[in-house]
Amino acid sequence: MNRRTIYLLIFTLSLTSIFLASPETEAMETTENPLKVGAIAPLTGPFGSGGSAFMKSLEVALSIVNGSGGVAGRKVVILKGDSEGNVSSARKEAIRLVEEEGVEFIIGAYLSEETMGVIEVAAEMGKVLIIPVSATGQITELIEKNPKRYRTIFRTGYSMKRWASMISHFLKSEHYMKYA
């Protein structure tokens, strides 16, 4: 298993635990009032394979969540947005998912650059945005500088700075002198 697969699996399990922590009801609603979740990632273009793997991990989590009664008795549906690997498309997809599809929150985007654009859309529209993959430190800096504006933005993955720190501590603890 490569690192990307491991990270996606960890993300899927984390997302599943969030969904499963919701209270259950007797019968899950099917089509009357599903919980609509938008997911934005590059499904086409040079980053399409990574974005597709990201979406597959969401589908695995979705099957587990819906198989366990959904969220608060509501079936969860994921509506996909193809960012095409660029900020402009990611922003357009975020707006479409909110305005046309009626999503209640968004997961994504996959790439850091795309995410920076989606953050602004989510903040402007007051939608919750869960950021599981994007690693740029700019996300954390943006939120720290203006927590009131970005109160609906949640980062669940590590920044590049945090990844580097953890790897550095690991290498040091294992007494590695060279890493390449």
Protein backbone atom coordinates (compact mmCIF):
# COMPACT_ATOMS: atom_id res chain seq x y z
CA MET A 1 0.00 0.00 0.00
CA ASN A 2 1.44 3.39 -0.97
CA ARG A 3 1.33 6.49 1.22
CA ARG A 4 -1.52 8.12 -0.68
CA THR A 5 -3.69 5.03 -0.18
CA ILE A 6 -2.85 4.95 3.53
CA TYR A 7 -3.68 8.66 3.94
CA LEU A 8 -6.96 8.25 2.06
CA LEU A 9 -7.85 5.25 4.23
CA ILE A 10 -7.12 7.23 7.40
CA PHE A 11 -9.24 10.10 6.08
CA THR A 12 -12.09 7.73 5.20
CA LEU A 13 -12.06 6.20 8.65
CA SER A 14 -11.98 9.65 10.25
CA LEU A 15 -14.90 10.83 8.16
CA THR A 16 -16.81 7.66 8.93
CA SER A 17 -16.31 8.12 12.67
CA ILE A 18 -17.62 11.70 12.42
CA PHE A 19 -20.75 10.50 10.63
CA LEU A 20 -21.28 7.53 12.93
CA ALA A 21 -21.06 9.75 16.01
CA SER A 22 -24.39 11.31 15.04
CA PRO A 23 -27.53 10.15 16.85
CA GLU A 24 -29.42 7.38 15.09
CA THR A 25 -33.14 7.23 14.49
CA GLU A 26 -35.44 4.29 13.90
CA ALA A 27 -35.69 4.56 10.13
CA MET A 28 -33.35 6.28 7.74
CA GLU A 29 -34.98 8.73 5.38
CA THR A 30 -34.22 7.76 1.82
CA THR A 31 -35.05 10.37 -0.77
CA GLU A 32 -37.32 12.81 1.11
CA ASN A 33 -34.63 14.72 2.96
CA PRO A 34 -31.11 13.41 2.30
CA LEU A 35 -28.08 15.17 3.77
CA LYS A 36 -26.40 16.63 0.69
CA VAL A 37 -22.62 16.87 0.91
CA GLY A 38 -20.55 18.52 -1.80
CA ALA A 39 -17.13 17.08 -2.61
CA ILE A 40 -14.66 18.96 -4.79
CA ALA A 41 -11.58 17.40 -6.37
CA PRO A 42 -9.89 17.19 -9.77
CA LEU A 43 -11.66 14.36 -11.59
CA THR A 44 -10.13 15.26 -14.94
CA GLY A 45 -6.79 16.67 -15.99
CA PRO A 46 -3.31 15.90 -14.66
CA PHE A 47 -4.47 15.39 -11.07
CA GLY A 48 -7.54 13.34 -11.96
CA SER A 49 -6.20 10.05 -10.60
CA GLY A 50 -5.57 11.55 -7.15
CA GLY A 51 -8.95 13.28 -7.13
CA SER A 52 -10.68 10.08 -8.20
CA ALA A 53 -8.99 8.14 -5.38
CA PHE A 54 -10.16 10.86 -2.96
CA MET A 55 -13.74 10.47 -4.23
CA LYS A 56 -13.56 6.69 -3.93
CA SER A 57 -12.57 7.03 -0.27
CA LEU A 58 -15.62 9.22 0.27
CA GLU A 59 -17.81 6.60 -1.41
CA VAL A 60 -16.46 3.93 0.94
CA ALA A 61 -17.24 6.13 3.94
CA LEU A 62 -20.66 6.90 2.48
CA SER A 63 -21.57 3.22 2.18
CA ILE A 64 -20.55 2.60 5.79
CA VAL A 65 -22.43 5.65 7.05
CA ASN A 66 -25.62 4.91 5.13
CA GLY A 67 -25.38 1.23 6.04
CA SER A 68 -25.36 2.28 9.69
CA GLY A 69 -28.47 4.44 9.46
CA GLY A 70 -27.09 7.63 7.95
CA VAL A 71 -26.63 10.83 9.93
CA ALA A 72 -29.41 11.57 12.40
CA GLY A 73 -31.56 9.19 10.39
CA ARG A 74 -30.87 10.97 7.11
CA LYS A 75 -29.37 9.25 4.11
CA VAL A 76 -26.16 10.98 3.02
CA VAL A 77 -25.57 11.73 -0.66
CA ILE A 78 -22.35 13.08 -2.09
CA LEU A 79 -22.59 15.48 -5.00
CA LYS A 80 -19.32 15.76 -6.87
CA GLY A 81 -17.64 18.81 -8.30
CA ASP A 82 -14.77 18.52 -10.79
CA SER A 83 -12.22 21.22 -10.03
CA GLU A 84 -10.18 20.21 -13.09
CA GLY A 85 -7.11 20.98 -10.98
CA ASN A 86 -7.54 24.76 -11.01
CA VAL A 87 -8.81 27.46 -8.66
CA SER A 88 -11.36 28.98 -11.03
CA SER A 89 -13.14 25.66 -11.66
CA ALA A 90 -13.01 24.78 -7.95
CA ARG A 91 -14.71 28.10 -7.05
CA LYS A 92 -17.34 27.63 -9.76
CA GLU A 93 -18.07 24.10 -8.57
CA ALA A 94 -18.37 25.22 -4.96
CA ILE A 95 -20.88 27.90 -5.97
CA ARG A 96 -22.82 25.42 -8.14
CA LEU A 97 -22.94 22.81 -5.39
CA VAL A 98 -24.31 25.34 -2.89
CA GLU A 99 -26.66 27.34 -5.12
CA GLU A 100 -27.93 24.71 -7.55
CA GLU A 101 -27.54 21.42 -5.67
CA GLY A 102 -28.32 22.71 -2.18
CA VAL A 103 -25.43 21.03 -0.36
CA GLU A 104 -25.30 21.59 3.37
CA PHE A 105 -21.52 21.45 3.56
CA ILE A 106 -18.48 20.83 1.38
CA ILE A 107 -15.52 18.46 1.62
CA GLY A 108 -12.39 19.40 -0.30
CA ALA A 109 -10.84 20.64 -2.35
CA TYR A 110 -8.08 18.18 -3.06
CA LEU A 111 -5.24 20.51 -4.08
CA SER A 112 -4.05 23.38 -1.88
CA GLU A 113 -4.45 26.02 -4.59
CA GLU A 114 -8.05 24.96 -5.27
CA THR A 115 -8.83 24.91 -1.58
CA MET A 116 -7.77 28.53 -1.15
CA GLY A 117 -10.48 29.53 -3.63
CA VAL A 118 -13.11 27.24 -2.12
CA ILE A 119 -12.40 28.65 1.36
CA GLU A 120 -13.48 32.07 0.17
CA VAL A 121 -16.71 30.73 -1.34
CA ALA A 122 -17.55 28.81 1.84
CA ALA A 123 -16.83 31.86 4.01
CA GLU A 124 -18.92 34.16 1.79
CA MET A 125 -21.86 31.72 1.73
CA GLY A 126 -21.61 30.67 5.39
CA LYS A 127 -21.14 26.99 4.51
CA VAL A 128 -19.08 24.51 6.48
CA LEU A 129 -15.96 23.41 4.62
CA ILE A 130 -14.02 20.36 5.78
CA ILE A 131 -10.46 20.32 4.41
CA PRO A 132 -8.96 16.83 4.70
CA VAL A 133 -6.09 16.84 2.21
CA SER A 134 -4.74 20.27 1.23
CA ALA A 135 -1.43 20.84 2.96
CA THR A 136 -0.46 24.47 2.43
CA GLY A 137 0.26 26.43 5.57
CA GLN A 138 -1.67 29.36 4.08
CA ILE A 139 -4.93 27.71 5.14
CA THR A 140 -4.04 27.78 8.82
CA GLU A 141 -2.58 31.29 8.55
CA LEU A 142 -5.75 32.58 6.88
CA ILE A 143 -7.99 31.12 9.57
CA GLU A 144 -5.76 32.37 12.41
CA LYS A 145 -5.71 35.92 10.99
CA ASN A 146 -9.48 36.17 10.70
CA PRO A 147 -11.22 33.44 12.75
CA LYS A 148 -14.58 35.22 12.64
CA ARG A 149 -14.70 35.25 8.82
CA TYR A 150 -13.50 31.65 8.56
CA ARG A 151 -15.51 30.22 11.47
CA THR A 152 -17.06 27.55 9.20
CA ILE A 153 -13.72 26.27 7.86
CA PHE A 154 -12.26 23.12 9.44
CA ARG A 155 -8.92 21.60 8.55
CA THR A 156 -8.64 17.91 9.45
CA GLY A 157 -5.29 17.17 7.79
CA TYR A 158 -1.80 18.37 8.60
CA SER A 159 -0.01 21.28 6.96
CA MET A 160 3.30 20.75 5.16
CA LYS A 161 5.07 22.40 8.09
CA ARG A 162 3.50 19.91 10.50
CA TRP A 163 4.30 16.95 8.22
CA ALA A 164 7.94 18.08 8.01
CA SER A 165 8.14 18.43 11.77
CA MET A 166 6.71 14.95 12.37
CA ILE A 167 9.03 13.36 9.81
CA SER A 168 12.00 15.19 11.30
CA HIS A 169 11.15 13.94 14.81
CA PHE A 170 10.71 10.40 13.52
CA LEU A 171 14.03 10.41 11.67
CA LYS A 172 15.76 11.80 14.75
CA SER A 173 14.15 9.24 17.07
CA GLU A 174 15.26 6.42 14.76
CA HIS A 175 18.79 7.87 14.58
CA TYR A 176 18.76 8.30 10.81
CA MET A 177 21.65 10.38 9.57
CA LYS A 178 20.63 10.41 5.91
CA TYR A 179 17.17 10.29 4.41
CA ALA A 180 17.86 10.03 0.68
